[in-house]
PDB file of N, CA and C in Angstrom:
ATOM      1  N   UNK A   1      14.634  32.868  11.423  1.00  0.00           N
ATOM      2  CA  UNK A   1      13.182  32.962  11.453  1.00  0.00           C
ATOM      3  C   UNK A   1      12.605  31.637  11.953  1.00  0.00           C
ATOM      4  N   UNK A   2      11.603  31.755  12.747  1.00  0.00           N
ATOM      5  CA  UNK A   2      10.985  30.562  13.283  1.00  0.00           C
ATOM      6  C   UNK A   2      10.083  29.859  12.289  1.00  0.00           C
ATOM      7  N   UNK A   3       9.575  30.554  11.337  1.00  0.00           N
ATOM      8  CA  UNK A   3       8.609  29.974  10.421  1.00  0.00           C
ATOM      9  C   UNK A   3       9.199  29.349   9.166  1.00  0.00           C
ATOM     10  N   UNK A   4      10.466  29.540   8.898  1.00  0.00           N
ATOM     11  CA  UNK A   4      10.992  28.977   7.651  1.00  0.00           C
ATOM     12  C   UNK A   4      11.330  27.496   7.807  1.00  0.00           C
ATOM     13  N   UNK A   5      11.554  26.821   6.719  1.00  0.00           N
ATOM     14  CA  UNK A   5      11.753  25.372   6.718  1.00  0.00           C
ATOM     15  C   UNK A   5      13.054  24.952   7.375  1.00  0.00           C
ATOM     16  N   UNK A   6      14.039  25.770   7.352  1.00  0.00           N
ATOM     17  CA  UNK A   6      15.327  25.373   7.897  1.00  0.00           C
ATOM     18  C   UNK A   6      15.316  25.343   9.420  1.00  0.00           C
ATOM     19  N   UNK A   7      14.348  25.969  10.045  1.00  0.00           N
ATOM     20  CA  UNK A   7      14.326  25.980  11.498  1.00  0.00           C
ATOM     21  C   UNK A   7      13.471  24.859  12.085  1.00  0.00           C
ATOM     22  N   UNK A   8      12.835  24.058  11.247  1.00  0.00           N
ATOM     23  CA  UNK A   8      11.982  22.979  11.727  1.00  0.00           C
ATOM     24  C   UNK A   8      12.843  21.762  12.036  1.00  0.00           C
ATOM     25  N   UNK A   9      12.726  21.252  13.243  1.00  0.00           N
ATOM     26  CA  UNK A   9      13.492  20.063  13.629  1.00  0.00           C
ATOM     27  C   UNK A   9      12.830  18.821  13.053  1.00  0.00           C
ATOM     28  N   UNK A  10      13.643  17.929  12.527  1.00  0.00           N
ATOM     29  CA  UNK A  10      13.130  16.688  11.957  1.00  0.00           C
ATOM     30  C   UNK A  10      13.835  15.510  12.604  1.00  0.00           C
ATOM     31  N   UNK A  11      13.097  14.436  12.726  1.00  0.00           N
ATOM     32  CA  UNK A  11      13.742  13.215  13.200  1.00  0.00           C
ATOM     33  C   UNK A  11      14.580  12.658  12.048  1.00  0.00           C
ATOM     34  N   UNK A  12      15.565  11.817  12.338  1.00  0.00           N
ATOM     35  CA  UNK A  12      16.376  11.236  11.254  1.00  0.00           C
ATOM     36  C   UNK A  12      15.544  10.464  10.238  1.00  0.00           C
ATOM     37  N   UNK A  13      14.518   9.727  10.714  1.00  0.00           N
ATOM     38  CA  UNK A  13      13.681   8.963   9.785  1.00  0.00           C
ATOM     39  C   UNK A  13      12.901   9.889   8.871  1.00  0.00           C
ATOM     40  N   UNK A  14      12.358  10.961   9.427  1.00  0.00           N
ATOM     41  CA  UNK A  14      11.603  11.919   8.618  1.00  0.00           C
ATOM     42  C   UNK A  14      12.524  12.593   7.609  1.00  0.00           C
ATOM     43  N   UNK A  15      13.712  12.935   8.039  1.00  0.00           N
ATOM     44  CA  UNK A  15      14.655  13.578   7.123  1.00  0.00           C
ATOM     45  C   UNK A  15      15.042  12.640   5.989  1.00  0.00           C
ATOM     46  N   UNK A  16      15.280  11.346   6.311  1.00  0.00           N
ATOM     47  CA  UNK A  16      15.627  10.384   5.260  1.00  0.00           C
ATOM     48  C   UNK A  16      14.484  10.248   4.270  1.00  0.00           C
ATOM     49  N   UNK A  17      13.260  10.124   4.775  1.00  0.00           N
ATOM     50  CA  UNK A  17      12.118   9.954   3.884  1.00  0.00           C
ATOM     51  C   UNK A  17      11.898  11.193   3.030  1.00  0.00           C
ATOM     52  N   UNK A  18      12.050  12.352   3.604  1.00  0.00           N
ATOM     53  CA  UNK A  18      11.871  13.584   2.839  1.00  0.00           C
ATOM     54  C   UNK A  18      12.959  13.700   1.783  1.00  0.00           C
ATOM     55  N   UNK A  19      14.167  13.308   2.154  1.00  0.00           N
ATOM     56  CA  UNK A  19      15.281  13.388   1.203  1.00  0.00           C
ATOM     57  C   UNK A  19      15.072  12.414   0.040  1.00  0.00           C
ATOM     58  N   UNK A  20      14.544  11.236   0.329  1.00  0.00           N
ATOM     59  CA  UNK A  20      14.350  10.238  -0.714  1.00  0.00           C
ATOM     60  C   UNK A  20      13.068  10.471  -1.503  1.00  0.00           C
ATOM     61  N   UNK A  21      12.258  11.425  -1.081  1.00  0.00           N
ATOM     62  CA  UNK A  21      10.997  11.685  -1.762  1.00  0.00           C
ATOM     63  C   UNK A  21       9.918  10.675  -1.427  1.00  0.00           C
ATOM     64  N   UNK A  22      10.069   9.983  -0.310  1.00  0.00           N
ATOM     65  CA  UNK A  22       9.111   8.961   0.098  1.00  0.00           C
ATOM     66  C   UNK A  22       8.313   9.492   1.272  1.00  0.00           C
ATOM     67  N   UNK A  23       7.014   9.400   1.183  1.00  0.00           N
ATOM     68  CA  UNK A  23       6.177   9.793   2.313  1.00  0.00           C
ATOM     69  C   UNK A  23       6.256   8.711   3.372  1.00  0.00           C
ATOM     70  N   UNK A  24       6.312   9.069   4.649  1.00  0.00           N
ATOM     71  CA  UNK A  24       6.462   8.069   5.701  1.00  0.00           C
ATOM     72  C   UNK A  24       5.376   7.004   5.712  1.00  0.00           C
ATOM     73  N   UNK A  25       4.198   7.302   5.226  1.00  0.00           N
ATOM     74  CA  UNK A  25       3.106   6.329   5.301  1.00  0.00           C
ATOM     75  C   UNK A  25       3.044   5.409   4.076  1.00  0.00           C
ATOM     76  N   UNK A  26       3.957   5.553   3.142  1.00  0.00           N
ATOM     77  CA  UNK A  26       3.899   4.734   1.927  1.00  0.00           C
ATOM     78  C   UNK A  26       4.017   3.246   2.241  1.00  0.00           C
ATOM     79  N   UNK A  27       4.886   2.866   3.145  1.00  0.00           N
ATOM     80  CA  UNK A  27       5.030   1.465   3.518  1.00  0.00           C
ATOM     81  C   UNK A  27       3.788   0.919   4.179  1.00  0.00           C
ATOM     82  N   UNK A  28       3.174   1.725   5.023  1.00  0.00           N
ATOM     83  CA  UNK A  28       1.963   1.269   5.702  1.00  0.00           C
ATOM     84  C   UNK A  28       0.808   1.120   4.725  1.00  0.00           C
ATOM     85  N   UNK A  29       0.783   1.913   3.682  1.00  0.00           N
ATOM     86  CA  UNK A  29      -0.307   1.792   2.707  1.00  0.00           C
ATOM     87  C   UNK A  29      -0.126   0.573   1.808  1.00  0.00           C
ATOM     88  N   UNK A  30       1.092   0.105   1.599  1.00  0.00           N
ATOM     89  CA  UNK A  30       1.304  -1.045   0.728  1.00  0.00           C
ATOM     90  C   UNK A  30       1.181  -2.377   1.461  1.00  0.00           C
ATOM     91  N   UNK A  31       1.247  -2.377   2.765  1.00  0.00           N
ATOM     92  CA  UNK A  31       1.172  -3.615   3.536  1.00  0.00           C
ATOM     93  C   UNK A  31      -0.114  -4.394   3.291  1.00  0.00           C
ATOM     94  N   UNK A  32      -1.296  -3.766   3.279  1.00  0.00           N
ATOM     95  CA  UNK A  32      -2.515  -4.553   3.013  1.00  0.00           C
ATOM     96  C   UNK A  32      -2.496  -5.244   1.651  1.00  0.00           C
ATOM     97  N   UNK A  33      -1.870  -4.656   0.673  1.00  0.00           N
ATOM     98  CA  UNK A  33      -1.769  -5.282  -0.647  1.00  0.00           C
ATOM     99  C   UNK A  33      -0.931  -6.551  -0.576  1.00  0.00           C
ATOM    100  N   UNK A  34       0.168  -6.484   0.133  1.00  0.00           N
ATOM    101  CA  UNK A  34       1.032  -7.657   0.281  1.00  0.00           C
ATOM    102  C   UNK A  34       0.297  -8.749   1.050  1.00  0.00           C
ATOM    103  N   UNK A  35      -0.385  -8.371   2.110  1.00  0.00           N
ATOM    104  CA  UNK A  35      -1.140  -9.341   2.912  1.00  0.00           C
ATOM    105  C   UNK A  35      -2.232  -9.988   2.066  1.00  0.00           C
ATOM    106  N   UNK A  36      -2.897  -9.228   1.231  1.00  0.00           N
ATOM    107  CA  UNK A  36      -3.940  -9.783   0.358  1.00  0.00           C
ATOM    108  C   UNK A  36      -3.350 -10.777  -0.639  1.00  0.00           C
ATOM    109  N   UNK A  37      -2.183 -10.472  -1.174  1.00  0.00           N
ATOM    110  CA  UNK A  37      -1.539 -11.412  -2.103  1.00  0.00           C
ATOM    111  C   UNK A  37      -1.171 -12.714  -1.412  1.00  0.00           C
ATOM    112  N   UNK A  38      -0.629 -12.617  -0.209  1.00  0.00           N
ATOM    113  CA  UNK A  38      -0.354 -13.825   0.566  1.00  0.00           C
ATOM    114  C   UNK A  38      -1.644 -14.603   0.798  1.00  0.00           C
ATOM    115  N   UNK A  39      -2.725 -13.902   1.102  1.00  0.00           N
ATOM    116  CA  UNK A  39      -4.009 -14.553   1.370  1.00  0.00           C
ATOM    117  C   UNK A  39      -4.503 -15.370   0.194  1.00  0.00           C
ATOM    118  N   UNK A  40      -4.356 -14.849  -1.010  1.00  0.00           N
ATOM    119  CA  UNK A  40      -4.782 -15.591  -2.206  1.00  0.00           C
ATOM    120  C   UNK A  40      -3.940 -16.862  -2.347  1.00  0.00           C
ATOM    121  N   UNK A  41      -2.645 -16.740  -2.175  1.00  0.00           N
ATOM    122  CA  UNK A  41      -1.772 -17.911  -2.253  1.00  0.00           C
ATOM    123  C   UNK A  41      -2.097 -18.930  -1.177  1.00  0.00           C
ATOM    124  N   UNK A  42      -2.323 -18.460   0.034  1.00  0.00           N
ATOM    125  CA  UNK A  42      -2.669 -19.368   1.131  1.00  0.00           C
ATOM    126  C   UNK A  42      -4.003 -20.059   0.879  1.00  0.00           C
ATOM    127  N   UNK A  43      -4.933 -19.381   0.254  1.00  0.00           N
ATOM    128  CA  UNK A  43      -6.234 -19.996  -0.038  1.00  0.00           C
ATOM    129  C   UNK A  43      -6.065 -21.191  -0.983  1.00  0.00           C
ATOM    130  N   UNK A  44      -5.209 -21.057  -1.975  1.00  0.00           N
ATOM    131  CA  UNK A  44      -4.938 -22.184  -2.874  1.00  0.00           C
ATOM    132  C   UNK A  44      -4.180 -23.283  -2.138  1.00  0.00           C
ATOM    133  N   UNK A  45      -3.146 -22.900  -1.398  1.00  0.00           N
ATOM    134  CA  UNK A  45      -2.311 -23.880  -0.708  1.00  0.00           C
ATOM    135  C   UNK A  45      -3.078 -24.610   0.399  1.00  0.00           C
ATOM    136  N   UNK A  46      -4.087 -23.994   0.964  1.00  0.00           N
ATOM    137  CA  UNK A  46      -4.847 -24.624   2.044  1.00  0.00           C
ATOM    138  C   UNK A  46      -5.576 -25.868   1.561  1.00  0.00           C
ATOM    139  N   UNK A  47      -5.939 -25.901   0.288  1.00  0.00           N
ATOM    140  CA  UNK A  47      -6.669 -27.055  -0.246  1.00  0.00           C
ATOM    141  C   UNK A  47      -5.747 -28.249  -0.484  1.00  0.00           C
ATOM    142  N   UNK A  48      -4.512 -27.986  -0.891  1.00  0.00           N
ATOM    143  CA  UNK A  48      -3.534 -29.058  -1.135  1.00  0.00           C
ATOM    144  C   UNK A  48      -2.149 -28.555  -0.728  1.00  0.00           C
ATOM    145  N   UNK A  49      -1.896 -28.465   0.570  1.00  0.00           N
ATOM    146  CA  UNK A  49      -0.641 -27.847   1.020  1.00  0.00           C
ATOM    147  C   UNK A  49       0.616 -28.591   0.584  1.00  0.00           C
ATOM    148  N   UNK A  50       0.567 -29.920   0.522  1.00  0.00           N
ATOM    149  CA  UNK A  50       1.773 -30.649   0.122  1.00  0.00           C
ATOM    150  C   UNK A  50       2.082 -30.445  -1.354  1.00  0.00           C
ATOM    151  N   UNK A  51       1.055 -30.490  -2.172  1.00  0.00           N
ATOM    152  CA  UNK A  51       1.259 -30.301  -3.610  1.00  0.00           C
ATOM    153  C   UNK A  51       1.697 -28.874  -3.932  1.00  0.00           C
ATOM    154  N   UNK A  52       1.223 -27.924  -3.163  1.00  0.00           N
ATOM    155  CA  UNK A  52       1.542 -26.514  -3.424  1.00  0.00           C
ATOM    156  C   UNK A  52       2.533 -25.991  -2.388  1.00  0.00           C
ATOM    157  N   UNK A  53       3.478 -26.830  -2.018  1.00  0.00           N
ATOM    158  CA  UNK A  53       4.461 -26.459  -1.006  1.00  0.00           C
ATOM    159  C   UNK A  53       5.283 -25.227  -1.367  1.00  0.00           C
ATOM    160  N   UNK A  54       5.530 -24.918  -2.657  1.00  0.00           N
ATOM    161  CA  UNK A  54       6.277 -23.681  -2.932  1.00  0.00           C
ATOM    162  C   UNK A  54       5.552 -22.418  -2.456  1.00  0.00           C
ATOM    163  N   UNK A  55       4.224 -22.425  -2.470  1.00  0.00           N
ATOM    164  CA  UNK A  55       3.487 -21.271  -1.944  1.00  0.00           C
ATOM    165  C   UNK A  55       3.701 -21.174  -0.439  1.00  0.00           C
ATOM    166  N   UNK A  56       3.681 -22.323   0.229  1.00  0.00           N
ATOM    167  CA  UNK A  56       3.932 -22.336   1.672  1.00  0.00           C
ATOM    168  C   UNK A  56       5.370 -21.886   1.952  1.00  0.00           C
ATOM    169  N   UNK A  57       6.301 -22.246   1.084  1.00  0.00           N
ATOM    170  CA  UNK A  57       7.693 -21.813   1.236  1.00  0.00           C
ATOM    171  C   UNK A  57       7.801 -20.290   1.170  1.00  0.00           C
ATOM    172  N   UNK A  58       7.069 -19.678   0.263  1.00  0.00           N
ATOM    173  CA  UNK A  58       7.073 -18.209   0.179  1.00  0.00           C
ATOM    174  C   UNK A  58       6.569 -17.616   1.492  1.00  0.00           C
ATOM    175  N   UNK A  59       5.505 -18.225   2.037  1.00  0.00           N
ATOM    176  CA  UNK A  59       4.999 -17.764   3.331  1.00  0.00           C
ATOM    177  C   UNK A  59       6.026 -17.947   4.433  1.00  0.00           C
ATOM    178  N   UNK A  60       6.731 -19.077   4.435  1.00  0.00           N
ATOM    179  CA  UNK A  60       7.760 -19.332   5.441  1.00  0.00           C
ATOM    180  C   UNK A  60       8.883 -18.302   5.341  1.00  0.00           C
ATOM    181  N   UNK A  61       9.277 -17.984   4.128  1.00  0.00           N
ATOM    182  CA  UNK A  61      10.322 -16.964   3.959  1.00  0.00           C
ATOM    183  C   UNK A  61       9.873 -15.628   4.537  1.00  0.00           C
ATOM    184  N   UNK A  62       8.612 -15.276   4.321  1.00  0.00           N
ATOM    185  CA  UNK A  62       8.086 -14.049   4.914  1.00  0.00           C
ATOM    186  C   UNK A  62       8.083 -14.100   6.428  1.00  0.00           C
ATOM    187  N   UNK A  63       7.781 -15.268   6.980  1.00  0.00           N
ATOM    188  CA  UNK A  63       7.760 -15.430   8.436  1.00  0.00           C
ATOM    189  C   UNK A  63       9.166 -15.395   9.026  1.00  0.00           C
ATOM    190  N   UNK A  64      10.173 -15.723   8.229  1.00  0.00           N
ATOM    191  CA  UNK A  64      11.562 -15.635   8.686  1.00  0.00           C
ATOM    192  C   UNK A  64      12.097 -14.210   8.514  1.00  0.00           C
ATOM    193  N   UNK A  65      11.787 -13.600   7.381  1.00  0.00           N
ATOM    194  CA  UNK A  65      12.301 -12.254   7.115  1.00  0.00           C
ATOM    195  C   UNK A  65      11.645 -11.185   7.989  1.00  0.00           C
ATOM    196  N   UNK A  66      10.408 -11.433   8.414  1.00  0.00           N
ATOM    197  CA  UNK A  66       9.729 -10.475   9.290  1.00  0.00           C
ATOM    198  C   UNK A  66      10.507 -10.226  10.577  1.00  0.00           C
ATOM    199  N   UNK A  67      10.866 -11.287  11.319  1.00  0.00           N
ATOM    200  CA  UNK A  67      11.673 -11.077  12.520  1.00  0.00           C
ATOM    201  C   UNK A  67      13.048 -10.477  12.240  1.00  0.00           C
ATOM    202  N   UNK A  68      13.647 -10.814  11.092  1.00  0.00           N
ATOM    203  CA  UNK A  68      14.932 -10.191  10.755  1.00  0.00           C
ATOM    204  C   UNK A  68      14.763  -8.690  10.542  1.00  0.00           C
ATOM    205  N   UNK A  69      13.664  -8.309   9.898  1.00  0.00           N
ATOM    206  CA  UNK A  69      13.373  -6.883   9.736  1.00  0.00           C
ATOM    207  C   UNK A  69      13.140  -6.193  11.067  1.00  0.00           C
ATOM    208  N   UNK A  70      12.480  -6.909  11.975  1.00  0.00           N
ATOM    209  CA  UNK A  70      12.276  -6.359  13.320  1.00  0.00           C
ATOM    210  C   UNK A  70      13.620  -6.123  14.006  1.00  0.00           C
ATOM    211  N   UNK A  71      14.522  -7.102  13.934  1.00  0.00           N
ATOM    212  CA  UNK A  71      15.829  -6.941  14.566  1.00  0.00           C
ATOM    213  C   UNK A  71      16.600  -5.769  13.972  1.00  0.00           C
ATOM    214  N   UNK A  72      16.497  -5.588  12.669  1.00  0.00           N
ATOM    215  CA  UNK A  72      17.142  -4.435  12.031  1.00  0.00           C
ATOM    216  C   UNK A  72      16.525  -3.136  12.540  1.00  0.00           C
ATOM    217  N   UNK A  73      15.186  -3.099  12.586  1.00  0.00           N
ATOM    218  CA  UNK A  73      14.510  -1.901  13.088  1.00  0.00           C
ATOM    219  C   UNK A  73      14.835  -1.626  14.541  1.00  0.00           C
ATOM    220  N   UNK A  74      14.977  -2.677  15.323  1.00  0.00           N
ATOM    221  CA  UNK A  74      15.346  -2.528  16.734  1.00  0.00           C
ATOM    222  C   UNK A  74      16.760  -1.978  16.850  1.00  0.00           C
ATOM    223  N   UNK A  75      17.666  -2.498  16.031  1.00  0.00           N
ATOM    224  CA  UNK A  75      19.061  -2.050  16.076  1.00  0.00           C
ATOM    225  C   UNK A  75      19.217  -0.596  15.643  1.00  0.00           C
ATOM    226  N   UNK A  76      18.374  -0.151  14.723  1.00  0.00           N
ATOM    227  CA  UNK A  76      18.472   1.230  14.243  1.00  0.00           C
ATOM    228  C   UNK A  76      17.604   2.194  15.037  1.00  0.00           C
ATOM    229  N   UNK A  77      16.844   1.661  16.000  1.00  0.00           N
ATOM    230  CA  UNK A  77      16.014   2.522  16.835  1.00  0.00           C
ATOM    231  C   UNK A  77      14.691   2.932  16.203  1.00  0.00           C
ATOM    232  N   UNK A  78      14.324   2.318  15.091  1.00  0.00           N
ATOM    233  CA  UNK A  78      13.082   2.683  14.414  1.00  0.00           C
ATOM    234  C   UNK A  78      11.875   1.906  14.932  1.00  0.00           C
ATOM    235  N   UNK A  79      12.128   0.808  15.661  1.00  0.00           N
ATOM    236  CA  UNK A  79      11.064  -0.036  16.184  1.00  0.00           C
ATOM    237  C   UNK A  79      11.313  -0.256  17.671  1.00  0.00           C
ATOM    238  N   UNK A  80      10.302  -0.057  18.506  1.00  0.00           N
ATOM    239  CA  UNK A  80      10.506  -0.301  19.944  1.00  0.00           C
ATOM    240  C   UNK A  80      10.513  -1.797  20.264  1.00  0.00           C
ATOM    241  N   UNK A  81      11.160  -2.161  21.355  1.00  0.00           N
ATOM    242  CA  UNK A  81      11.260  -3.554  21.766  1.00  0.00           C
ATOM    243  C   UNK A  81       9.893  -4.181  22.012  1.00  0.00           C
ATOM    244  N   UNK A  82       8.947  -3.421  22.545  1.00  0.00           N
ATOM    245  CA  UNK A  82       7.622  -3.979  22.849  1.00  0.00           C
ATOM    246  C   UNK A  82       6.890  -4.462  21.592  1.00  0.00           C
ATOM    247  N   UNK A  83       7.295  -3.999  20.436  1.00  0.00           N
ATOM    248  CA  UNK A  83       6.706  -4.462  19.181  1.00  0.00           C
ATOM    249  C   UNK A  83       7.036  -5.925  18.917  1.00  0.00           C
ATOM    250  N   UNK A  84       8.080  -6.434  19.563  1.00  0.00           N
ATOM    251  CA  UNK A  84       8.501  -7.811  19.374  1.00  0.00           C
ATOM    252  C   UNK A  84       7.459  -8.839  19.769  1.00  0.00           C
ATOM    253  N   UNK A  85       6.541  -8.498  20.666  1.00  0.00           N
ATOM    254  CA  UNK A  85       5.486  -9.446  21.066  1.00  0.00           C
ATOM    255  C   UNK A  85       4.625  -9.859  19.889  1.00  0.00           C
ATOM    256  N   UNK A  86       4.479  -8.997  18.919  1.00  0.00           N
ATOM    257  CA  UNK A  86       3.671  -9.312  17.739  1.00  0.00           C
ATOM    258  C   UNK A  86       4.282 -10.483  16.972  1.00  0.00           C
ATOM    259  N   UNK A  87       5.601 -10.591  17.013  1.00  0.00           N
ATOM    260  CA  UNK A  87       6.283 -11.663  16.284  1.00  0.00           C
ATOM    261  C   UNK A  87       5.857 -13.050  16.756  1.00  0.00           C
ATOM    262  N   UNK A  88       5.524 -13.178  18.038  1.00  0.00           N
ATOM    263  CA  UNK A  88       5.131 -14.493  18.557  1.00  0.00           C
ATOM    264  C   UNK A  88       3.902 -15.040  17.839  1.00  0.00           C
ATOM    265  N   UNK A  89       2.880 -14.220  17.697  1.00  0.00           N
ATOM    266  CA  UNK A  89       1.628 -14.696  17.087  1.00  0.00           C
ATOM    267  C   UNK A  89       1.593 -14.498  15.582  1.00  0.00           C
ATOM    268  N   UNK A  90       2.393 -13.601  15.069  1.00  0.00           N
ATOM    269  CA  UNK A  90       2.332 -13.307  13.649  1.00  0.00           C
ATOM    270  C   UNK A  90       3.354 -14.089  12.822  1.00  0.00           C
ATOM    271  N   UNK A  91       4.468 -14.436  13.429  1.00  0.00           N
ATOM    272  CA  UNK A  91       5.534 -15.074  12.661  1.00  0.00           C
ATOM    273  C   UNK A  91       6.052 -16.368  13.293  1.00  0.00           C
ATOM    274  N   UNK A  92       6.522 -16.290  14.503  1.00  0.00           N
ATOM    275  CA  UNK A  92       7.276 -17.403  15.092  1.00  0.00           C
ATOM    276  C   UNK A  92       6.458 -18.688  15.242  1.00  0.00           C
ATOM    277  N   UNK A  93       5.188 -18.590  15.595  1.00  0.00           N
ATOM    278  CA  UNK A  93       4.400 -19.819  15.780  1.00  0.00           C
ATOM    279  C   UNK A  93       4.179 -20.563  14.470  1.00  0.00           C
ATOM    280  N   UNK A  94       4.382 -19.911  13.347  1.00  0.00           N
ATOM    281  CA  UNK A  94       4.163 -20.542  12.044  1.00  0.00           C
ATOM    282  C   UNK A  94       5.401 -21.235  11.507  1.00  0.00           C
ATOM    283  N   UNK A  95       6.556 -21.032  12.124  1.00  0.00           N
ATOM    284  CA  UNK A  95       7.784 -21.643  11.612  1.00  0.00           C
ATOM    285  C   UNK A  95       7.693 -23.161  11.570  1.00  0.00           C
ATOM    286  N   UNK A  96       7.226 -23.782  12.639  1.00  0.00           N
ATOM    287  CA  UNK A  96       7.187 -25.252  12.691  1.00  0.00           C
ATOM    288  C   UNK A  96       6.183 -25.823  11.690  1.00  0.00           C
ATOM    289  N   UNK A  97       4.912 -25.384  11.687  1.00  0.00           N
ATOM    290  CA  UNK A  97       3.991 -25.998  10.716  1.00  0.00           C
ATOM    291  C   UNK A  97       4.371 -25.722   9.258  1.00  0.00           C
ATOM    292  N   UNK A  98       4.809 -24.505   8.942  1.00  0.00           N
ATOM    293  CA  UNK A  98       5.191 -24.209   7.562  1.00  0.00           C
ATOM    294  C   UNK A  98       6.397 -25.038   7.149  1.00  0.00           C
ATOM    295  N   UNK A  99       7.381 -25.190   8.045  1.00  0.00           N
ATOM    296  CA  UNK A  99       8.572 -25.976   7.731  1.00  0.00           C
ATOM    297  C   UNK A  99       8.205 -27.437   7.505  1.00  0.00           C
ATOM    298  N   UNK A 100       7.332 -27.971   8.332  1.00  0.00           N
ATOM    299  CA  UNK A 100       6.909 -29.371   8.167  1.00  0.00           C
ATOM    300  C   UNK A 100       6.182 -29.573   6.840  1.00  0.00           C
ATOM    301  N   UNK A 101       5.323 -28.627   6.477  1.00  0.00           N
ATOM    302  CA  UNK A 101       4.599 -28.728   5.202  1.00  0.00           C
ATOM    303  C   UNK A 101       5.574 -28.656   4.034  1.00  0.00           C
ATOM    304  N   UNK A 102       6.512 -27.733   4.093  1.00  0.00           N
ATOM    305  CA  UNK A 102       7.476 -27.570   2.994  1.00  0.00           C
ATOM    306  C   UNK A 102       8.296 -28.842   2.802  1.00  0.00           C
ATOM    307  N   UNK A 103       8.829 -29.403   3.888  1.00  0.00           N
ATOM    308  CA  UNK A 103       9.649 -30.605   3.747  1.00  0.00           C
ATOM    309  C   UNK A 103       8.831 -31.816   3.312  1.00  0.00           C
ATOM    310  N   UNK A 104       7.628 -31.972   3.865  1.00  0.00           N
ATOM    311  CA  UNK A 104       6.781 -33.102   3.459  1.00  0.00           C
ATOM    312  C   UNK A 104       6.368 -32.960   2.000  1.00  0.00           C
ATOM    313  N   UNK A 105       6.028 -31.750   1.573  1.00  0.00           N
ATOM    314  CA  UNK A 105       5.657 -31.517   0.180  1.00  0.00           C
ATOM    315  C   UNK A 105       6.821 -31.714  -0.762  1.00  0.00           C
ATOM    316  N   UNK A 106       7.999 -31.272  -0.339  1.00  0.00           N
ATOM    317  CA  UNK A 106       9.192 -31.427  -1.175  1.00  0.00           C
ATOM    318  C   UNK A 106       9.549 -32.898  -1.358  1.00  0.00           C
ATOM    319  N   UNK A 107       9.347 -33.682  -0.297  1.00  0.00           N
ATOM    320  CA  UNK A 107       9.610 -35.124  -0.404  1.00  0.00           C
ATOM    321  C   UNK A 107       8.628 -35.791  -1.365  1.00  0.00           C
ATOM    322  N   UNK A 108       7.374 -35.388  -1.273  1.00  0.00           N
ATOM    323  CA  UNK A 108       6.346 -36.031  -2.096  1.00  0.00           C
ATOM    324  C   UNK A 108       6.363 -35.512  -3.529  1.00  0.00           C
ATOM    325  N   UNK A 109       6.614 -34.230  -3.715  1.00  0.00           N
ATOM    326  CA  UNK A 109       6.631 -33.603  -5.044  1.00  0.00           C
ATOM    327  C   UNK A 109       7.978 -32.899  -5.248  1.00  0.00           C
ATOM    328  N   UNK A 110       9.080 -33.660  -5.365  1.00  0.00           N
ATOM    329  CA  UNK A 110      10.395 -33.013  -5.445  1.00  0.00           C
ATOM    330  C   UNK A 110      10.645 -32.282  -6.754  1.00  0.00           C
ATOM    331  N   UNK A 111       9.906 -32.630  -7.790  1.00  0.00           N
ATOM    332  CA  UNK A 111      10.156 -32.014  -9.098  1.00  0.00           C
ATOM    333  C   UNK A 111       9.074 -31.024  -9.464  1.00  0.00           C
ATOM    334  N   UNK A 112       8.631 -30.242  -8.508  1.00  0.00           N
ATOM    335  CA  UNK A 112       7.598 -29.252  -8.764  1.00  0.00           C
ATOM    336  C   UNK A 112       8.060 -28.325  -9.875  1.00  0.00           C
ATOM    337  N   UNK A 113       7.239 -28.152 -10.886  1.00  0.00           N
ATOM    338  CA  UNK A 113       7.575 -27.257 -11.983  1.00  0.00           C
ATOM    339  C   UNK A 113       8.343 -27.935 -13.107  1.00  0.00           C
ATOM    340  N   UNK A 114       8.692 -29.216 -12.967  1.00  0.00           N
ATOM    341  CA  UNK A 114       9.458 -29.893 -13.996  1.00  0.00           C
ATOM    342  C   UNK A 114       8.550 -30.450 -15.086  1.00  0.00           C
ATOM    343  N   UNK A 115       7.302 -30.152 -15.010  1.00  0.00           N
ATOM    344  CA  UNK A 115       6.349 -30.645 -16.006  1.00  0.00           C
ATOM    345  C   UNK A 115       5.140 -31.246 -15.330  1.00  0.00           C
ATOM    346  N   UNK A 116       4.020 -30.962 -15.880  1.00  0.00           N
ATOM    347  CA  UNK A 116       2.796 -31.498 -15.303  1.00  0.00           C
ATOM    348  C   UNK A 116       2.313 -30.675 -14.126  1.00  0.00           C
ATOM    349  N   UNK A 117       1.175 -31.058 -13.606  1.00  0.00           N
ATOM    350  CA  UNK A 117       0.560 -30.374 -12.498  1.00  0.00           C
ATOM    351  C   UNK A 117       0.577 -31.293 -11.283  1.00  0.00           C
ATOM    352  N   UNK A 118       1.444 -31.004 -10.284  1.00  0.00           N
ATOM    353  CA  UNK A 118       1.511 -31.898  -9.143  1.00  0.00           C
ATOM    354  C   UNK A 118       0.215 -31.929  -8.340  1.00  0.00           C
ATOM    355  N   UNK A 119      -0.564 -30.872  -8.411  1.00  0.00           N
ATOM    356  CA  UNK A 119      -1.820 -30.834  -7.680  1.00  0.00           C
ATOM    357  C   UNK A 119      -2.829 -31.802  -8.274  1.00  0.00           C
ATOM    358  N   UNK A 120      -2.652 -32.175  -9.533  1.00  0.00           N
ATOM    359  CA  UNK A 120      -3.586 -33.099 -10.193  1.00  0.00           C
ATOM    360  C   UNK A 120      -3.276 -34.549  -9.870  1.00  0.00           C
ATOM    361  N   UNK A 121      -2.128 -34.807  -9.248  1.00  0.00           N
ATOM    362  CA  UNK A 121      -1.740 -36.198  -8.922  1.00  0.00           C
ATOM    363  C   UNK A 121      -2.561 -36.749  -7.794  1.00  0.00           C
TER     364      UNK A 121
END
């Protein structure tokens, strides 16, 4: 029968999501929440980036893991190559400034979290 569920063709990604009980748009709906959380952290770190270098480190890790996720998606065929241009402005250009802030902050405040508030220094 043409109308029953077994005759409907599905892409591998759709089949995986249906099998796992995950709607395909669930990841896209959670992205703004993650971006908002980063924004709050960046707002604090922007005032004293060296003192709050661990927040910048979290951002740097995200900027490193983003391209790794892209490469995985590219290898599995879930992401087209042209999507890679976004990495230039969204991730890669931030590697140098974030890395410099993290190392400079770590040198100045190497014992972050060992007691006291480094931002108050």
